[in-house]
C-alpha atoms as a PDB file:
ATOM      1  CA  MET A   1       0.000   0.000   0.000  1.00  0.00           C
ATOM      2  CA  THR A   2       1.441   3.386  -1.018  1.00  0.00           C
ATOM      3  CA  LEU A   3       1.313   6.438   1.234  1.00  0.00           C
ATOM      4  CA  LEU A   4      -1.036   8.162  -1.257  1.00  0.00           C
ATOM      5  CA  ILE A   5      -3.556   5.312  -1.026  1.00  0.00           C
ATOM      6  CA  ALA A   6      -3.232   5.340   2.768  1.00  0.00           C
ATOM      7  CA  LEU A   7      -3.971   9.078   2.746  1.00  0.00           C
ATOM      8  CA  PHE A   8      -6.988   8.556   0.490  1.00  0.00           C
ATOM      9  CA  LEU A   9      -8.383   5.801   2.713  1.00  0.00           C
ATOM     10  CA  GLY A  10      -7.757   7.963   5.777  1.00  0.00           C
ATOM     11  CA  VAL A  11      -9.918  10.692   4.248  1.00  0.00           C
ATOM     12  CA  VAL A  12     -12.677   8.148   3.522  1.00  0.00           C
ATOM     13  CA  GLN A  13     -12.552   6.921   7.117  1.00  0.00           C
ATOM     14  CA  GLY A  14     -12.465  10.422   8.593  1.00  0.00           C
ATOM     15  CA  VAL A  15     -15.480  11.587   6.599  1.00  0.00           C
ATOM     16  CA  PHE A  16     -17.625   8.503   7.106  1.00  0.00           C
ATOM     17  CA  MET A  17     -16.709   7.425  10.657  1.00  0.00           C
ATOM     18  CA  PHE A  18     -19.174   9.851  12.212  1.00  0.00           C
ATOM     19  CA  VAL A  19     -21.466  10.442   9.260  1.00  0.00           C
ATOM     20  CA  PRO A  20     -23.861   7.537   9.975  1.00  0.00           C
ATOM     21  CA  VAL A  21     -23.479   5.753   6.637  1.00  0.00           C
ATOM     22  CA  SER A  22     -20.997   3.029   7.696  1.00  0.00           C
ATOM     23  CA  SER A  23     -17.340   3.950   7.368  1.00  0.00           C
ATOM     24  CA  THR A  24     -16.370   0.278   7.126  1.00  0.00           C
ATOM     25  CA  SER A  25     -18.563  -0.285   4.095  1.00  0.00           C
ATOM     26  CA  HIS A  26     -17.019   2.725   2.375  1.00  0.00           C
ATOM     27  CA  LEU A  27     -13.537   1.446   3.179  1.00  0.00           C
ATOM     28  CA  VAL A  28     -14.373  -2.024   1.854  1.00  0.00           C
ATOM     29  CA  LEU A  29     -15.964  -0.701  -1.324  1.00  0.00           C
ATOM     30  CA  THR A  30     -13.176   1.842  -1.880  1.00  0.00           C
ATOM     31  CA  GLN A  31     -10.486  -0.799  -1.383  1.00  0.00           C
ATOM     32  CA  THR A  32     -12.242  -3.196  -3.744  1.00  0.00           C
ATOM     33  CA  TRP A  33     -12.665  -0.397  -6.311  1.00  0.00           C
ATOM     34  CA  LEU A  34      -8.945   0.441  -6.098  1.00  0.00           C
ATOM     35  CA  THR A  35      -7.989  -3.220  -6.494  1.00  0.00           C
ATOM     36  CA  GLY A  36     -10.199  -3.492  -9.565  1.00  0.00           C
ATOM     37  CA  ARG A  37      -8.275  -0.640 -11.158  1.00  0.00           C
ATOM     38  CA  GLY A  38      -4.905  -2.256 -10.732  1.00  0.00           C
ATOM     39  CA  TYR A  39      -3.733  -0.864  -7.397  1.00  0.00           C
ATOM     40  CA  GLU A  40      -2.028  -3.452  -5.224  1.00  0.00           C
ATOM     41  CA  LEU A  41      -3.884  -4.014  -1.963  1.00  0.00           C
ATOM     42  CA  PRO A  42      -4.365  -7.082   0.229  1.00  0.00           C
ATOM     43  CA  PRO A  43      -7.826  -8.717   0.015  1.00  0.00           C
ATOM     44  CA  SER A  44     -10.574  -6.869   1.906  1.00  0.00           C
ATOM     45  CA  ASP A  45     -10.969  -9.774   4.328  1.00  0.00           C
ATOM     46  CA  SER A  46      -7.217 -10.192   4.957  1.00  0.00           C
ATOM     47  CA  PRO A  47      -5.935  -9.691   8.547  1.00  0.00           C
ATOM     48  CA  GLU A  48      -3.519  -6.919   7.575  1.00  0.00           C
ATOM     49  CA  LEU A  49      -6.095  -4.820   5.725  1.00  0.00           C
ATOM     50  CA  ILE A  50      -8.640  -5.296   8.518  1.00  0.00           C
ATOM     51  CA  LEU A  51      -5.906  -4.090  10.904  1.00  0.00           C
ATOM     52  CA  PHE A  52      -5.359  -1.000   8.714  1.00  0.00           C
ATOM     53  CA  ASP A  53      -9.105  -0.322   8.813  1.00  0.00           C
ATOM     54  CA  LEU A  54      -9.023  -0.519  12.600  1.00  0.00           C
ATOM     55  CA  VAL A  55      -5.975   1.744  12.837  1.00  0.00           C
ATOM     56  CA  VAL A  56      -7.725   4.508  10.882  1.00  0.00           C
ATOM     57  CA  HIS A  57     -10.747   3.927  13.134  1.00  0.00           C
ATOM     58  CA  VAL A  58      -8.445   4.620  16.105  1.00  0.00           C
ATOM     59  CA  GLY A  59      -7.381   7.823  14.351  1.00  0.00           C
ATOM     60  CA  THR A  60     -10.957   9.041  14.415  1.00  0.00           C
ATOM     61  CA  LEU A  61     -11.091   8.447  18.173  1.00  0.00           C
ATOM     62  CA  VAL A  62      -8.796  11.462  18.424  1.00  0.00           C
ATOM     63  CA  SER A  63     -11.678  13.408  16.893  1.00  0.00           C
ATOM     64  CA  VAL A  64     -13.978  12.276  19.724  1.00  0.00           C
ATOM     65  CA  VAL A  65     -11.510  13.557  22.308  1.00  0.00           C
ATOM     66  CA  ILE A  66     -11.167  16.901  20.497  1.00  0.00           C
ATOM     67  CA  VAL A  67     -14.854  17.575  19.831  1.00  0.00           C
ATOM     68  CA  MET A  68     -16.389  15.909  22.911  1.00  0.00           C
ATOM     69  CA  GLY A  69     -13.486  16.385  25.301  1.00  0.00           C
ATOM     70  CA  ASP A  70     -15.450  18.657  27.657  1.00  0.00           C
ATOM     71  CA  GLY A  71     -18.087  15.973  28.145  1.00  0.00           C
ATOM     72  CA  LEU A  72     -15.423  13.356  28.821  1.00  0.00           C
ATOM     73  CA  LYS A  73     -13.801  15.637  31.404  1.00  0.00           C
ATOM     74  CA  GLU A  74     -17.157  16.213  33.107  1.00  0.00           C
ATOM     75  CA  LEU A  75     -17.798  12.475  33.231  1.00  0.00           C
ATOM     76  CA  ALA A  76     -14.345  11.800  34.668  1.00  0.00           C
ATOM     77  CA  ALA A  77     -14.813  14.575  37.219  1.00  0.00           C
ATOM     78  CA  GLY A  78     -18.163  13.072  38.212  1.00  0.00           C
ATOM     79  CA  VAL A  79     -16.560   9.668  38.785  1.00  0.00           C
ATOM     80  CA  ARG A  80     -13.830  11.265  40.929  1.00  0.00           C
ATOM     81  CA  ASP A  81     -16.500  13.077  42.913  1.00  0.00           C
ATOM     82  CA  ASP A  82     -18.451   9.837  43.403  1.00  0.00           C
ATOM     83  CA  LEU A  83     -15.345   8.129  44.721  1.00  0.00           C
ATOM     84  CA  GLY A  84     -14.176  11.063  46.829  1.00  0.00           C
ATOM     85  CA  SER A  85     -17.574  11.746  48.392  1.00  0.00           C
ATOM     86  CA  GLY A  86     -17.883   8.187  49.663  1.00  0.00           C
ATOM     87  CA  ARG A  87     -21.113   7.432  47.800  1.00  0.00           C
ATOM     88  CA  LEU A  88     -19.748   4.055  46.702  1.00  0.00           C
ATOM     89  CA  ARG A  89     -18.445   3.239  50.192  1.00  0.00           C
ATOM     90  CA  ALA A  90     -21.646   3.918  52.070  1.00  0.00           C
ATOM     91  CA  THR A  91     -22.519   1.154  54.531  1.00  0.00           C
ATOM     92  CA  SER A  92     -26.289   1.498  54.175  1.00  0.00           C
ATOM     93  CA  GLY A  93     -28.032  -0.096  51.220  1.00  0.00           C
ATOM     94  CA  GLY A  94     -26.747  -2.573  48.670  1.00  0.00           C
ATOM     95  CA  VAL A  95     -24.507  -2.047  45.674  1.00  0.00           C
ATOM     96  CA  GLY A  96     -27.463  -1.040  43.518  1.00  0.00           C
ATOM     97  CA  THR A  97     -28.478   1.677  45.981  1.00  0.00           C
ATOM     98  CA  ARG A  98     -24.952   3.074  46.091  1.00  0.00           C
ATOM     99  CA  LEU A  99     -24.631   3.108  42.305  1.00  0.00           C
ATOM    100  CA  ALA A 100     -28.008   4.810  41.974  1.00  0.00           C
ATOM    101  CA  ALA A 101     -26.581   7.700  43.975  1.00  0.00           C
ATOM    102  CA  ALA A 102     -23.340   7.734  41.968  1.00  0.00           C
ATOM    103  CA  THR A 103     -24.854   8.638  38.579  1.00  0.00           C
ATOM    104  CA  ASP A 104     -21.621   9.234  36.635  1.00  0.00           C
ATOM    105  CA  THR A 105     -19.882   6.100  37.902  1.00  0.00           C
ATOM    106  CA  ARG A 106     -22.977   4.051  37.169  1.00  0.00           C
ATOM    107  CA  LEU A 107     -23.153   5.435  33.629  1.00  0.00           C
ATOM    108  CA  VAL A 108     -19.491   4.600  32.982  1.00  0.00           C
ATOM    109  CA  LEU A 109     -20.019   1.025  34.231  1.00  0.00           C
ATOM    110  CA  LEU A 110     -23.062   0.653  31.976  1.00  0.00           C
ATOM    111  CA  MET A 111     -21.010   1.888  29.012  1.00  0.00           C
ATOM    112  CA  LEU A 112     -18.355  -0.717  29.809  1.00  0.00           C
ATOM    113  CA  LEU A 113     -21.120  -3.331  29.957  1.00  0.00           C
ATOM    114  CA  SER A 114     -22.201  -2.330  26.441  1.00  0.00           C
ATOM    115  CA  VAL A 115     -18.595  -2.697  25.272  1.00  0.00           C
ATOM    116  CA  ALA A 116     -18.297  -6.120  26.926  1.00  0.00           C
ATOM    117  CA  VAL A 117     -21.479  -7.358  25.227  1.00  0.00           C
ATOM    118  CA  THR A 118     -20.124  -6.172  21.872  1.00  0.00           C
ATOM    119  CA  GLY A 119     -16.798  -7.900  22.499  1.00  0.00           C
ATOM    120  CA  VAL A 120     -18.345 -11.246  23.385  1.00  0.00           C
ATOM    121  CA  LEU A 121     -20.673 -11.238  20.378  1.00  0.00           C
ATOM    122  CA  GLY A 122     -17.883 -10.033  18.086  1.00  0.00           C
ATOM    123  CA  LEU A 123     -15.649 -12.935  19.089  1.00  0.00           C
ATOM    124  CA  LEU A 124     -18.479 -15.441  18.720  1.00  0.00           C
ATOM    125  CA  PHE A 125     -19.323 -14.299  15.188  1.00  0.00           C
ATOM    126  CA  GLN A 126     -15.833 -13.329  14.008  1.00  0.00           C
ATOM    127  CA  ASP A 127     -15.728 -15.828  11.132  1.00  0.00           C
ATOM    128  CA  LEU A 128     -19.125 -14.727   9.840  1.00  0.00           C
ATOM    129  CA  LEU A 129     -18.039 -11.075   9.926  1.00  0.00           C
ATOM    130  CA  GLY A 130     -14.969 -11.953   7.860  1.00  0.00           C
ATOM    131  CA  GLU A 131     -17.221 -13.309   5.100  1.00  0.00           C
ATOM    132  CA  VAL A 132     -19.259 -10.098   5.081  1.00  0.00           C
ATOM    133  CA  PHE A 133     -16.074  -7.993   4.771  1.00  0.00           C
ATOM    134  CA  GLY A 134     -15.331  -9.744   1.484  1.00  0.00           C
ATOM    135  CA  SER A 135     -18.810  -9.378  -0.039  1.00  0.00           C
ATOM    136  CA  PRO A 136     -19.828  -5.960  -1.445  1.00  0.00           C
ATOM    137  CA  THR A 137     -23.309  -7.365  -2.169  1.00  0.00           C
ATOM    138  CA  LEU A 138     -23.868  -8.108   1.509  1.00  0.00           C
ATOM    139  CA  VAL A 139     -22.501  -4.652   2.279  1.00  0.00           C
ATOM    140  CA  ALA A 140     -25.136  -3.147  -0.035  1.00  0.00           C
ATOM    141  CA  LEU A 141     -27.949  -5.026   1.698  1.00  0.00           C
ATOM    142  CA  ALA A 142     -26.640  -3.849   5.054  1.00  0.00           C
ATOM    143  CA  LEU A 143     -26.650  -0.270   3.760  1.00  0.00           C
ATOM    144  CA  ILE A 144     -30.349  -0.609   2.967  1.00  0.00           C
ATOM    145  CA  ALA A 145     -30.999  -1.605   6.581  1.00  0.00           C
ATOM    146  CA  THR A 146     -28.883   1.316   7.812  1.00  0.00           C
ATOM    147  CA  GLY A 147     -30.956   3.726   5.731  1.00  0.00           C
ATOM    148  CA  GLY A 148     -34.134   2.437   7.333  1.00  0.00           C
ATOM    149  CA  MET A 149     -32.773   3.075  10.816  1.00  0.00           C
ATOM    150  CA  LEU A 150     -31.577   6.557   9.904  1.00  0.00           C
ATOM    151  CA  TRP A 151     -34.950   7.458   8.419  1.00  0.00           C
ATOM    152  CA  TRP A 152     -36.750   6.389  11.585  1.00  0.00           C
ATOM    153  CA  THR A 153     -34.231   8.208  13.788  1.00  0.00           C
ATOM    154  CA  ASP A 154     -35.623  11.578  12.660  1.00  0.00           C
ATOM    155  CA  ALA A 155     -39.157  10.433  13.470  1.00  0.00           C
ATOM    156  CA  MET A 156     -38.309   9.801  17.136  1.00  0.00           C
ATOM    157  CA  THR A 157     -39.576  12.933  18.852  1.00  0.00           C
ATOM    158  CA  ALA A 158     -40.116  13.718  22.508  1.00  0.00           C
ATOM    159  CA  VAL A 159     -43.733  12.569  22.529  1.00  0.00           C
ATOM    160  CA  ARG A 160     -45.449   9.282  23.209  1.00  0.00           C
ATOM    161  CA  SER A 161     -45.674   7.033  20.150  1.00  0.00           C
ATOM    162  CA  GLY A 162     -48.400   4.443  20.446  1.00  0.00           C
ATOM    163  CA  ARG A 163     -49.035   2.819  23.805  1.00  0.00           C
ATOM    164  CA  ARG A 164     -45.552   1.675  24.743  1.00  0.00           C
ATOM    165  CA  LEU A 165     -42.844   3.677  22.974  1.00  0.00           C
ATOM    166  CA  ARG A 166     -41.894   6.984  24.566  1.00  0.00           C
ATOM    167  CA  PHE A 167     -38.883   8.837  23.234  1.00  0.00           C
ATOM    168  CA  ALA A 168     -36.446  11.302  24.823  1.00  0.00           C
ATOM    169  CA  TRP A 169     -37.246  10.696  28.487  1.00  0.00           C
ATOM    170  CA  ARG A 170     -34.156   8.789  29.701  1.00  0.00           C
ATOM    171  CA  GLY A 171     -31.465  10.935  31.255  1.00  0.00           C
ATOM    172  CA  PRO A 172     -28.165   9.597  32.663  1.00  0.00           C
ATOM    173  CA  SER A 173     -29.837   8.294  35.828  1.00  0.00           C
ATOM    174  CA  ASP A 174     -32.493   6.425  33.811  1.00  0.00           C
ATOM    175  CA  VAL A 175     -30.134   4.229  31.772  1.00  0.00           C
ATOM    176  CA  SER A 176     -30.649   0.632  32.893  1.00  0.00           C
ATOM    177  CA  VAL A 177     -28.702  -2.607  32.528  1.00  0.00           C
ATOM    178  CA  THR A 178     -31.169  -3.739  29.862  1.00  0.00           C
ATOM    179  CA  VAL A 179     -30.583  -0.554  27.872  1.00  0.00           C
ATOM    180  CA  ALA A 180     -26.803  -1.012  28.114  1.00  0.00           C
ATOM    181  CA  VAL A 181     -27.011  -4.641  26.965  1.00  0.00           C
ATOM    182  CA  LEU A 182     -29.254  -3.832  23.993  1.00  0.00           C
ATOM    183  CA  ILE A 183     -26.981  -0.992  22.865  1.00  0.00           C
ATOM    184  CA  GLY A 184     -24.056  -3.425  23.124  1.00  0.00           C
ATOM    185  CA  VAL A 185     -25.947  -5.878  20.911  1.00  0.00           C
ATOM    186  CA  ALA A 186     -26.666  -3.083  18.408  1.00  0.00           C
ATOM    187  CA  GLN A 187     -22.987  -2.184  18.315  1.00  0.00           C
ATOM    188  CA  ALA A 188     -22.088  -5.837  17.711  1.00  0.00           C
ATOM    189  CA  VAL A 189     -24.450  -5.949  14.736  1.00  0.00           C
ATOM    190  CA  ALA A 190     -22.669  -2.861  13.410  1.00  0.00           C
ATOM    191  CA  LEU A 191     -19.350  -4.729  13.289  1.00  0.00           C
ATOM    192  CA  ALA A 192     -20.535  -5.893   9.868  1.00  0.00           C
ATOM    193  CA  PRO A 193     -19.653  -3.421   7.082  1.00  0.00           C
ATOM    194  CA  GLY A 194     -22.694  -1.614   5.755  1.00  0.00           C
ATOM    195  CA  ILE A 195     -24.241  -1.254   9.210  1.00  0.00           C
ATOM    196  CA  SER A 196     -23.328   2.125  10.643  1.00  0.00           C
ATOM    197  CA  ARG A 197     -21.967   1.820  14.194  1.00  0.00           C
ATOM    198  CA  SER A 198     -22.953   5.337  15.204  1.00  0.00           C
ATOM    199  CA  GLY A 199     -26.260   5.185  13.341  1.00  0.00           C
ATOM    200  CA  THR A 200     -27.234   1.823  14.841  1.00  0.00           C
ATOM    201  CA  THR A 201     -26.289   2.611  18.429  1.00  0.00           C
ATOM    202  CA  ILE A 202     -27.930   6.050  18.325  1.00  0.00           C
ATOM    203  CA  PHE A 203     -31.035   4.487  16.768  1.00  0.00           C
ATOM    204  CA  MET A 204     -31.198   1.854  19.523  1.00  0.00           C
ATOM    205  CA  ALA A 205     -30.602   4.432  22.258  1.00  0.00           C
ATOM    206  CA  LEU A 206     -33.388   6.673  20.946  1.00  0.00           C
ATOM    207  CA  LEU A 207     -35.711   3.701  20.514  1.00  0.00           C
ATOM    208  CA  LEU A 208     -35.133   2.844  24.182  1.00  0.00           C
ATOM    209  CA  GLY A 209     -36.075   6.393  25.205  1.00  0.00           C
ATOM    210  CA  MET A 210     -32.697   8.111  25.546  1.00  0.00           C
ATOM    211  CA  GLN A 211     -32.446  11.861  25.056  1.00  0.00           C
ATOM    212  CA  ARG A 212     -30.737  12.840  21.793  1.00  0.00           C
ATOM    213  CA  ARG A 213     -27.696  14.491  23.355  1.00  0.00           C
ATOM    214  CA  LEU A 214     -27.169  11.566  25.738  1.00  0.00           C
ATOM    215  CA  ALA A 215     -27.649   9.058  22.901  1.00  0.00           C
ATOM    216  CA  ALA A 216     -24.866  10.739  20.917  1.00  0.00           C
ATOM    217  CA  ARG A 217     -22.534  10.871  23.921  1.00  0.00           C
ATOM    218  CA  TYR A 218     -23.204   7.249  24.800  1.00  0.00           C
ATOM    219  CA  SER A 219     -22.647   6.091  21.223  1.00  0.00           C
ATOM    220  CA  PHE A 220     -19.373   7.916  20.660  1.00  0.00           C
ATOM    221  CA  TYR A 221     -17.974   7.274  24.146  1.00  0.00           C
ATOM    222  CA  ILE A 222     -18.400   3.501  23.927  1.00  0.00           C
ATOM    223  CA  ALA A 223     -16.646   3.619  20.546  1.00  0.00           C
ATOM    224  CA  ILE A 224     -13.383   4.462  22.329  1.00  0.00           C
ATOM    225  CA  PRO A 225     -12.827   1.214  24.293  1.00  0.00           C
ATOM    226  CA  THR A 226     -14.582  -0.856  21.618  1.00  0.00           C
ATOM    227  CA  ILE A 227     -12.311   0.225  18.770  1.00  0.00           C
ATOM    228  CA  LEU A 228      -9.175   0.183  20.924  1.00  0.00           C
ATOM    229  CA  ALA A 229      -9.915  -3.382  22.056  1.00  0.00           C
ATOM    230  CA  ALA A 230     -10.711  -4.584  18.532  1.00  0.00           C
ATOM    231  CA  THR A 231      -7.522  -3.001  17.209  1.00  0.00           C
ATOM    232  CA  GLY A 232      -5.450  -4.630  19.936  1.00  0.00           C
ATOM    233  CA  VAL A 233      -6.884  -8.069  19.225  1.00  0.00           C
ATOM    234  CA  GLN A 234      -6.404  -7.730  15.471  1.00  0.00           C
ATOM    235  CA  ALA A 235      -2.867  -6.360  15.894  1.00  0.00           C
ATOM    236  CA  LEU A 236      -1.953  -9.352  18.060  1.00  0.00           C
ATOM    237  CA  GLN A 237      -3.382 -11.748  15.478  1.00  0.00           C
ATOM    238  CA  VAL A 238      -1.467 -10.098  12.625  1.00  0.00           C
ATOM    239  CA  TRP A 239       1.746 -10.043  14.675  1.00  0.00           C
ATOM    240  CA  LEU A 240       1.441 -13.726  15.547  1.00  0.00           C
ATOM    241  CA  ASP A 241       0.694 -14.646  11.919  1.00  0.00           C
ATOM    242  CA  GLY A 242       3.391 -12.332  10.521  1.00  0.00           C
ATOM    243  CA  ASP A 243       1.008 -10.961   7.851  1.00  0.00           C
ATOM    244  CA  LEU A 244       1.868  -7.233   7.935  1.00  0.00           C
ATOM    245  CA  GLY A 245       4.284  -7.253   4.989  1.00  0.00           C
ATOM    246  CA  ALA A 246       1.832  -5.700   2.491  1.00  0.00           C
ATOM    247  CA  ILE A 247       1.206  -2.562   4.597  1.00  0.00           C
ATOM    248  CA  SER A 248       4.036  -0.497   6.088  1.00  0.00           C
ATOM    249  CA  TRP A 249       3.925   1.262   9.446  1.00  0.00           C
ATOM    250  CA  GLY A 250       4.345   4.516   7.516  1.00  0.00           C
ATOM    251  CA  ALA A 251       1.096   3.863   5.662  1.00  0.00           C
ATOM    252  CA  MET A 252      -0.598   3.055   8.971  1.00  0.00           C
ATOM    253  CA  ALA A 253       0.621   6.367  10.428  1.00  0.00           C
ATOM    254  CA  VAL A 254      -0.555   8.415   7.427  1.00  0.00           C
ATOM    255  CA  GLY A 255      -4.004   6.829   7.508  1.00  0.00           C
ATOM    256  CA  PHE A 256      -4.223   7.408  11.266  1.00  0.00           C
ATOM    257  CA  GLY A 257      -3.297  11.106  11.083  1.00  0.00           C
ATOM    258  CA  VAL A 258      -5.519  11.986   8.134  1.00  0.00           C
ATOM    259  CA  ALA A 259      -8.506  10.148   9.647  1.00  0.00           C
ATOM    260  CA  ALA A 260      -8.080  12.101  12.895  1.00  0.00           C
ATOM    261  CA  ALA A 261      -7.967  15.485  11.156  1.00  0.00           C
ATOM    262  CA  VAL A 262     -10.866  14.892   8.763  1.00  0.00           C
ATOM    263  CA  GLY A 263     -12.940  13.127  11.431  1.00  0.00           C
ATOM    264  CA  THR A 264     -12.900  16.174  13.703  1.00  0.00           C
ATOM    265  CA  ALA A 265     -14.792  18.280  11.164  1.00  0.00           C
ATOM    266  CA  ALA A 266     -17.191  15.417  10.352  1.00  0.00           C
ATOM    267  CA  LEU A 267     -18.091  14.771  14.014  1.00  0.00           C
ATOM    268  CA  TRP A 268     -18.780  18.457  14.655  1.00  0.00           C
ATOM    269  CA  ALA A 269     -21.223  18.529  11.726  1.00  0.00           C
ATOM    270  CA  VAL A 270     -22.970  15.250  12.597  1.00  0.00           C
ATOM    271  CA  LEU A 271     -23.719  16.269  16.192  1.00  0.00           C
ATOM    272  CA  ARG A 272     -25.550  19.337  14.942  1.00  0.00           C
ATOM    273  CA  LEU A 273     -27.525  17.364  12.371  1.00  0.00           C
ATOM    274  CA  LEU A 274     -28.566  14.838  15.033  1.00  0.00           C
ATOM    275  CA  GLU A 275     -29.801  17.535  17.392  1.00  0.00           C
ATOM    276  CA  SER A 276     -31.867  19.084  14.597  1.00  0.00           C
ATOM    277  CA  ALA A 277     -33.241  15.657  13.470  1.00  0.00           C
ATOM    278  CA  ARG A 278     -31.847  15.819   9.941  1.00  0.00           C
ATOM    279  CA  PHE A 279     -30.525  12.275   9.519  1.00  0.00           C
ATOM    280  CA  ARG A 280     -32.870  11.457   6.633  1.00  0.00           C
ATOM    281  CA  VAL A 281     -30.431  12.995   4.177  1.00  0.00           C
ATOM    282  CA  PHE A 282     -28.012  10.208   5.122  1.00  0.00           C
ATOM    283  CA  ALA A 283     -30.741   7.594   4.644  1.00  0.00           C
ATOM    284  CA  VAL A 284     -31.275   8.741   1.068  1.00  0.00           C
ATOM    285  CA  TYR A 285     -27.516   8.621   0.485  1.00  0.00           C
ATOM    286  CA  VAL A 286     -27.015   5.042   1.707  1.00  0.00           C
ATOM    287  CA  TRP A 287     -30.044   3.802  -0.239  1.00  0.00           C
ATOM    288  CA  THR A 288     -28.634   5.409  -3.373  1.00  0.00           C
ATOM    289  CA  LEU A 289     -25.228   3.860  -2.738  1.00  0.00           C
ATOM    290  CA  ALA A 290     -26.773   0.437  -2.155  1.00  0.00           C
ATOM    291  CA  ALA A 291     -28.733   0.691  -5.408  1.00  0.00           C
ATOM    292  CA  VAL A 292     -25.592   1.616  -7.334  1.00  0.00           C
ATOM    293  CA  VAL A 293     -23.703  -1.374  -5.912  1.00  0.00           C
ATOM    294  CA  LEU A 294     -26.545  -3.853  -6.530  1.00  0.00           C
ATOM    295  CA  ILE A 295     -27.460  -2.665 -10.026  1.00  0.00           C
ATOM    296  CA  THR A 296     -24.072  -1.842 -11.536  1.00  0.00           C
ATOM    297  CA  GLY A 297     -21.862  -4.181  -9.538  1.00  0.00           C
ATOM    298  CA  VAL A 298     -19.517  -1.358  -8.558  1.00  0.00           C
ATOM    299  CA  GLY A 299     -16.961  -2.691  -6.122  1.00  0.00           C
ATOM    300  CA  VAL A 300     -17.761  -6.360  -6.820  1.00  0.00           C
END
């Protein structure tokens, strides 16, 4: 992989990591398109190229820290306050009672639970995910599903819908274990290219009644340990297999840096579109992309 291709793929990742149209699908389709035009790249489902994809994903985590750093600092300060105030060491009441009083610590633990659920499911279905990475047709079908979720995301308003669904009522203290588990499952589904990680987790959070701002924070915060863990596991596998020869560390570094820079601007824009319920424009985009792939065979 040349440094120019690494830069190009870093731009693709940076733009589409936070725009809820599945960055992985765009990486897979772009890589397949480049291969079809004579550029030398490892197969899309090869360990080294999957590692490169994860490395540029890590680059976009820098964007989360830059754009949402204040929220992360507030959360960390809340955890320190919970620990320093003795809320978690109180002798009266059980663990659940203590955690209920320590809102920030409880929220962090629930986020880690979501990450753990994703990790377990990801390991269980790792072989199946590898097959999807190598199939642009399956990616296209997944994009259609992503578009459906994005379209419905805009329809979730802060009013009761039907008899059971009620949107935008859960604040940080109202997030339950069930909510955390279901968001973890949604994130595991999004490990397949074509299913947007941010779009799916935000959709699930809103469906379960989370406020829009909290849904965005929860989605992007759990991306940090999830992507770091996945990258570590894949890096270990590649190192043990000795399969990194096709991609240099220089290419990895270029992709990482470009993804971080471009991702910062993309995340800033997406947060404002989410708050104003304007995700349907992304739904139309992914449906159009899916139709192009299915009808013309682009990327196959």
